[in-house]
Amino acid sequence: MLIRLGYEIAIECRQRTPVVSLLEIHKDRQPDIKRQTRVLTAPSVPSSVYQDRYGNACRRLVAPEGSFRILYDAVVEDSGEPDEVNMLAGETPVEELPDDVLGYLLGSRYCETDHLSDLAWSLFGHMPSGWARVQAIVDYVHNRLSFGYGYARSTRTAAQAHDERVGVCRDFAHLAITLCRCMNIPARYVNGYLGDIGVPVDPAPMDFSAWMEVFLDGKWYPFDPRHNIPRIGRVVIARGRDATDVPLLHSFGPHRLVFFKVWTYEQEGHPARPPHHRVDRTADVQMLA
């Protein structure tokens, strides 16, 4: 199966502003790219790519004063299979976890394990360990929070999402990640492309998506607290402890988001570029003073 995907993002800057973007397809999926454009900017500016501590490709550039636009388009081959489900997958004792996984047990900016530990153990401590416990956490988060783009807020933490009972996909992911970590189950934050493949088409404009990966029996498995069903066609962009590590754009100075458009769909039978766009996307476009 071939998936067409890409984005077009425009910002306005008051002055020349350094920017780091995390919008590259993850290195794990690079071999699946069948066709792609360069990352195009308007006006054209030089850029360079480096790899961060989590293995994500980060692009450095300086946006000029005024309007600045970033564009990318690609076709990626996908197996067409839904997310793997392994109900027999078990938890790994903390003392046996690989060194590079231990960090995903700790609290982080949006995942306050200290605030939610007692709640997690009261809700899930009596449940069977492994896949069943993780699925119970995902079910809880899916039912606890109401989804809506109007609920987006870049400062909302997992504990706040739990109290407010609303959020966007990143809030669902943060809360489920936090509850897993409280139960000594490593969990990490993932963002990427997820089209409406094999499911009814969502009438809302397309967006990037956030989900989590959980470490069970020596392997990372995807779980999606927002949708809570196995999905087809996930294409990872970046992974980290939480959204702090993988915002779409870091700008080192003030900017205003003026245009935001994402497309991801099965190639066959679709127009070249979907018409949807939305300009109120702020939760994952961060300004750093």
Protein backbone atom coordinates (compact mmCIF):
# COMPACT_ATOMS: atom_id res chain seq x y z
CA MET A 1 0.00 0.00 0.00
CA LEU A 2 1.23 3.51 -0.84
CA ILE A 3 0.52 6.45 1.46
CA ARG A 4 0.75 10.05 0.25
CA LEU A 5 1.72 12.41 3.03
CA GLY A 6 3.12 15.85 3.65
CA TYR A 7 2.60 19.25 5.19
CA GLU A 8 2.61 22.98 4.57
CA ILE A 9 3.17 25.30 7.52
CA ALA A 10 3.48 29.09 7.49
CA ILE A 11 4.55 31.39 10.31
CA GLU A 12 5.20 35.11 10.61
CA CYS A 13 8.24 36.35 12.55
CA ARG A 14 8.94 39.82 13.90
CA GLN A 15 12.63 39.45 13.19
CA ARG A 16 15.12 36.84 11.95
CA THR A 17 14.37 33.84 14.19
CA PRO A 18 16.29 30.58 14.64
CA VAL A 19 14.00 27.56 14.25
CA VAL A 20 14.41 23.82 14.85
CA SER A 21 11.79 21.64 13.17
CA LEU A 22 11.01 17.99 13.97
CA LEU A 23 9.08 17.16 10.83
CA GLU A 24 11.30 14.59 9.10
CA ILE A 25 10.04 11.04 8.66
CA HIS A 26 11.79 8.91 11.30
CA LYS A 27 14.89 6.99 10.23
CA ASP A 28 13.03 3.69 10.85
CA ARG A 29 10.71 4.51 7.94
CA GLN A 30 13.21 6.17 5.61
CA PRO A 31 13.70 2.94 3.59
CA ASP A 32 9.94 2.96 2.87
CA ILE A 33 9.99 6.35 1.13
CA LYS A 34 9.32 5.80 -2.58
CA ARG A 35 9.20 9.42 -3.66
CA GLN A 36 9.71 12.72 -1.87
CA THR A 37 10.43 16.39 -2.38
CA ARG A 38 13.18 18.21 -0.61
CA VAL A 39 12.04 20.17 2.43
CA LEU A 40 11.14 23.40 0.66
CA THR A 41 11.06 26.84 2.26
CA ALA A 42 9.71 30.14 0.97
CA PRO A 43 11.71 32.25 0.97
CA SER A 44 14.53 29.75 0.44
CA VAL A 45 16.97 29.55 3.35
CA PRO A 46 19.86 27.18 4.11
CA SER A 47 19.25 24.40 6.65
CA SER A 48 21.08 21.48 8.21
CA VAL A 49 19.92 18.28 9.92
CA TYR A 50 21.23 16.73 13.12
CA GLN A 51 20.11 13.78 15.25
CA ASP A 52 18.93 14.39 18.80
CA ARG A 53 19.43 12.10 21.82
CA TYR A 54 16.28 10.13 20.96
CA GLY A 55 17.29 9.41 17.37
CA ASN A 56 15.01 12.02 15.79
CA ALA A 57 16.09 14.08 12.80
CA CYS A 58 16.00 17.80 13.61
CA ARG A 59 16.33 20.53 10.97
CA ARG A 60 18.01 23.83 11.88
CA LEU A 61 17.33 27.03 9.97
CA VAL A 62 16.79 30.74 10.46
CA ALA A 63 13.40 32.12 9.44
CA PRO A 64 13.55 35.64 7.99
CA GLU A 65 11.49 38.56 9.23
CA GLY A 66 7.94 38.38 7.89
CA SER A 67 6.19 35.41 6.31
CA PHE A 68 7.96 32.06 6.18
CA ARG A 69 6.64 28.79 4.76
CA ILE A 70 7.86 25.15 5.02
CA LEU A 71 6.59 22.45 2.63
CA TYR A 72 7.15 18.71 2.13
CA ASP A 73 5.45 15.93 0.18
CA ALA A 74 6.21 12.20 -0.07
CA VAL A 75 4.88 8.77 -0.95
CA VAL A 76 5.64 6.00 1.58
CA GLU A 77 5.14 2.26 1.21
CA ASP A 78 3.26 0.60 4.07
CA SER A 79 2.37 -3.01 4.84
CA GLY A 80 -1.31 -2.14 5.13
CA GLU A 81 -1.45 -4.19 8.33
CA PRO A 82 -3.05 -2.75 11.50
CA ASP A 83 -1.07 -2.15 14.69
CA GLU A 84 0.33 -5.34 16.17
CA VAL A 85 -1.67 -6.82 19.05
CA ASN A 86 0.00 -9.33 21.39
CA MET A 87 -2.24 -10.05 24.33
CA LEU A 88 0.37 -12.44 25.74
CA ALA A 89 3.07 -9.75 26.01
CA GLY A 90 4.22 -9.39 29.60
CA GLU A 91 5.86 -6.71 31.69
CA THR A 92 9.61 -6.75 32.19
CA PRO A 93 10.82 -6.37 35.79
CA VAL A 94 12.52 -3.02 36.30
CA GLU A 95 15.83 -4.66 37.24
CA GLU A 96 15.86 -6.46 33.86
CA LEU A 97 15.04 -3.46 31.65
CA PRO A 98 17.70 -2.29 29.16
CA ASP A 99 19.57 0.81 30.27
CA ASP A 100 18.16 2.94 27.45
CA VAL A 101 14.58 2.10 28.46
CA LEU A 102 14.83 3.11 32.14
CA GLY A 103 14.36 6.80 31.34
CA TYR A 104 10.85 6.08 30.11
CA LEU A 105 9.81 5.13 33.65
CA LEU A 106 10.53 8.61 35.00
CA GLY A 107 8.35 11.67 35.28
CA SER A 108 8.79 14.41 32.69
CA ARG A 109 7.47 17.89 31.86
CA TYR A 110 3.95 16.78 30.90
CA CYS A 111 3.90 13.40 32.65
CA GLU A 112 3.86 13.97 36.42
CA THR A 113 4.19 10.48 37.83
CA ASP A 114 4.41 11.87 41.36
CA HIS A 115 0.93 13.41 41.05
CA LEU A 116 -0.78 10.33 39.62
CA SER A 117 1.02 7.38 41.23
CA ASP A 118 -1.54 6.76 43.98
CA LEU A 119 -4.40 6.97 41.48
CA ALA A 120 -2.66 4.56 39.09
CA TRP A 121 -2.06 1.92 41.73
CA SER A 122 -5.60 2.20 43.07
CA LEU A 123 -7.06 1.75 39.59
CA PHE A 124 -4.69 -0.75 38.00
CA GLY A 125 -2.66 -2.38 40.76
CA HIS A 126 -5.08 -5.30 41.09
CA MET A 127 -5.23 -6.03 37.37
CA PRO A 128 -3.33 -8.75 35.49
CA SER A 129 0.10 -7.50 34.46
CA GLY A 130 1.29 -7.03 30.90
CA TRP A 131 -0.88 -6.29 27.88
CA ALA A 132 -4.13 -6.50 29.85
CA ARG A 133 -3.00 -3.82 32.29
CA VAL A 134 -1.81 -1.48 29.53
CA GLN A 135 -5.08 -1.95 27.67
CA ALA A 136 -7.00 -1.18 30.85
CA ILE A 137 -5.05 2.08 31.16
CA VAL A 138 -5.75 2.96 27.53
CA ASP A 139 -9.47 2.18 28.00
CA TYR A 140 -9.58 4.36 31.10
CA VAL A 141 -7.96 7.34 29.37
CA HIS A 142 -10.08 6.91 26.25
CA ASN A 143 -13.25 7.02 28.35
CA ARG A 144 -12.04 9.67 30.81
CA LEU A 145 -11.18 12.40 28.30
CA SER A 146 -13.35 14.07 25.67
CA PHE A 147 -11.56 14.94 22.42
CA GLY A 148 -11.85 18.30 20.67
CA TYR A 149 -9.46 20.54 18.70
CA GLY A 150 -10.81 23.49 20.65
CA TYR A 151 -9.39 21.94 23.81
CA ALA A 152 -5.78 22.31 22.62
CA ARG A 153 -3.52 23.99 25.17
CA SER A 154 0.26 23.75 25.04
CA THR A 155 0.68 23.86 28.83
CA ARG A 156 -1.78 21.10 29.81
CA THR A 157 -0.14 18.27 31.75
CA ALA A 158 -1.34 14.72 32.27
CA ALA A 159 -2.68 15.47 35.75
CA GLN A 160 -4.50 18.55 34.45
CA ALA A 161 -5.99 16.55 31.60
CA HIS A 162 -7.22 13.99 34.10
CA ASP A 163 -8.87 16.69 36.20
CA GLU A 164 -10.29 18.69 33.26
CA ARG A 165 -11.41 15.56 31.36
CA VAL A 166 -10.74 17.14 27.95
CA GLY A 167 -7.87 17.28 25.50
CA VAL A 168 -6.40 16.58 22.09
CA CYS A 169 -4.45 13.49 21.07
CA ARG A 170 -1.29 14.61 22.86
CA ASP A 171 -3.21 14.91 26.15
CA PHE A 172 -4.61 11.40 25.75
CA ALA A 173 -1.06 10.13 25.13
CA HIS A 174 0.45 12.04 28.06
CA LEU A 175 -2.11 10.72 30.53
CA ALA A 176 -1.76 7.11 29.40
CA ILE A 177 2.05 7.36 29.39
CA THR A 178 2.03 8.72 32.92
CA LEU A 179 -0.25 5.99 34.26
CA CYS A 180 1.91 3.32 32.62
CA ARG A 181 5.08 4.76 34.12
CA CYS A 182 3.42 4.88 37.53
CA MET A 183 2.91 1.12 37.16
CA ASN A 184 6.61 0.62 36.27
CA ILE A 185 5.79 0.03 32.60
CA PRO A 186 8.07 2.03 30.24
CA ALA A 187 6.12 4.27 27.87
CA ARG A 188 7.20 6.92 25.38
CA TYR A 189 5.52 9.66 23.35
CA VAL A 190 5.25 9.40 19.56
CA ASN A 191 4.00 11.78 16.91
CA GLY A 192 3.56 11.23 13.21
CA TYR A 193 1.14 10.79 10.34
CA LEU A 194 -2.07 8.78 10.76
CA GLY A 195 -4.61 8.90 7.95
CA ASP A 196 -8.20 7.66 7.90
CA ILE A 197 -7.25 4.32 6.33
CA GLY A 198 -9.56 1.41 7.03
CA VAL A 199 -11.86 3.58 9.18
CA PRO A 200 -14.66 6.05 8.42
CA VAL A 201 -13.27 9.36 7.17
CA ASP A 202 -13.11 12.03 9.85
CA PRO A 203 -14.76 15.20 8.48
CA ALA A 204 -12.34 17.40 10.46
CA PRO A 205 -9.24 18.68 8.64
CA MET A 206 -6.25 16.34 8.71
CA ASP A 207 -3.66 16.82 11.44
CA PHE A 208 -0.53 15.20 12.77
CA SER A 209 -1.30 12.60 15.43
CA ALA A 210 0.16 11.62 18.79
CA TRP A 211 0.13 8.19 20.42
CA MET A 212 2.38 6.18 22.73
CA GLU A 213 4.62 3.13 22.58
CA VAL A 214 4.86 0.75 25.53
CA PHE A 215 7.74 -1.62 26.27
CA LEU A 216 6.51 -5.19 26.86
CA ASP A 217 8.52 -8.43 26.56
CA GLY A 218 11.52 -6.63 25.12
CA LYS A 219 9.62 -4.80 22.37
CA TRP A 220 7.89 -1.44 21.83
CA TYR A 221 4.20 -1.69 20.93
CA PRO A 222 1.98 1.19 19.76
CA PHE A 223 -1.13 2.09 21.75
CA ASP A 224 -3.50 4.91 20.82
CA PRO A 225 -5.57 6.20 23.76
CA ARG A 226 -7.50 8.63 21.60
CA HIS A 227 -8.75 6.15 18.97
CA ASN A 228 -8.35 2.98 21.06
CA ILE A 229 -8.42 0.61 18.09
CA PRO A 230 -5.57 -0.83 15.98
CA ARG A 231 -5.00 1.52 13.04
CA ILE A 232 -3.40 1.18 9.61
CA GLY A 233 -0.68 3.40 8.22
CA ARG A 234 1.12 5.02 11.12
CA VAL A 235 4.27 6.83 9.92
CA VAL A 236 6.44 7.94 12.83
CA ILE A 237 8.11 11.34 12.81
CA ALA A 238 9.62 11.52 16.29
CA ARG A 239 9.74 9.86 19.71
CA GLY A 240 10.57 11.23 23.15
CA ARG A 241 9.64 11.37 26.81
CA ASP A 242 6.70 13.66 26.06
CA ALA A 243 5.76 16.53 23.73
CA THR A 244 8.56 18.68 25.16
CA ASP A 245 11.07 16.55 23.25
CA VAL A 246 9.23 16.47 19.92
CA PRO A 247 7.39 19.73 19.10
CA LEU A 248 6.82 20.31 15.41
CA LEU A 249 8.66 23.63 15.59
CA HIS A 250 10.93 25.20 18.19
CA SER A 251 11.26 28.91 17.46
CA PHE A 252 13.80 30.88 19.46
CA GLY A 253 11.79 34.08 19.35
CA PRO A 254 8.17 35.20 18.84
CA HIS A 255 6.19 34.00 15.86
CA ARG A 256 2.58 33.67 14.75
CA LEU A 257 1.17 30.53 13.10
CA VAL A 258 -0.80 31.63 10.01
CA PHE A 259 -1.28 28.44 7.99
CA PHE A 260 -1.23 24.75 8.84
CA LYS A 261 -2.05 21.91 6.46
CA VAL A 262 -1.32 18.18 6.68
CA TRP A 263 -2.24 15.39 4.29
CA THR A 264 -1.96 11.62 4.69
CA TYR A 265 -4.08 9.15 2.74
CA GLU A 266 -3.89 5.97 0.73
CA GLN A 267 -2.55 7.02 -2.68
CA GLU A 268 -5.07 5.21 -4.88
CA GLY A 269 -8.27 7.08 -5.68
CA HIS A 270 -7.46 10.41 -4.03
CA PRO A 271 -6.76 13.88 -5.44
CA ALA A 272 -3.18 15.10 -5.58
CA ARG A 273 -3.58 17.49 -2.64
CA PRO A 274 -6.50 17.44 -0.20
CA PRO A 275 -8.10 20.86 0.27
CA HIS A 276 -8.30 20.79 4.09
CA HIS A 277 -6.41 23.27 6.21
CA ARG A 278 -6.55 24.69 9.71
CA VAL A 279 -4.75 27.67 11.25
CA ASP A 280 -5.59 27.25 14.95
CA ARG A 281 -2.93 24.57 15.58
CA THR A 282 -0.82 25.81 18.51
CA ALA A 283 -0.24 22.95 20.95
CA ASP A 284 2.84 21.53 19.21
CA VAL A 285 4.30 24.74 17.76
CA GLN A 286 6.34 26.15 20.61
CA MET A 287 8.21 29.40 21.07
CA LEU A 288 11.28 29.33 23.29
CA ALA A 289 12.45 32.64 24.70
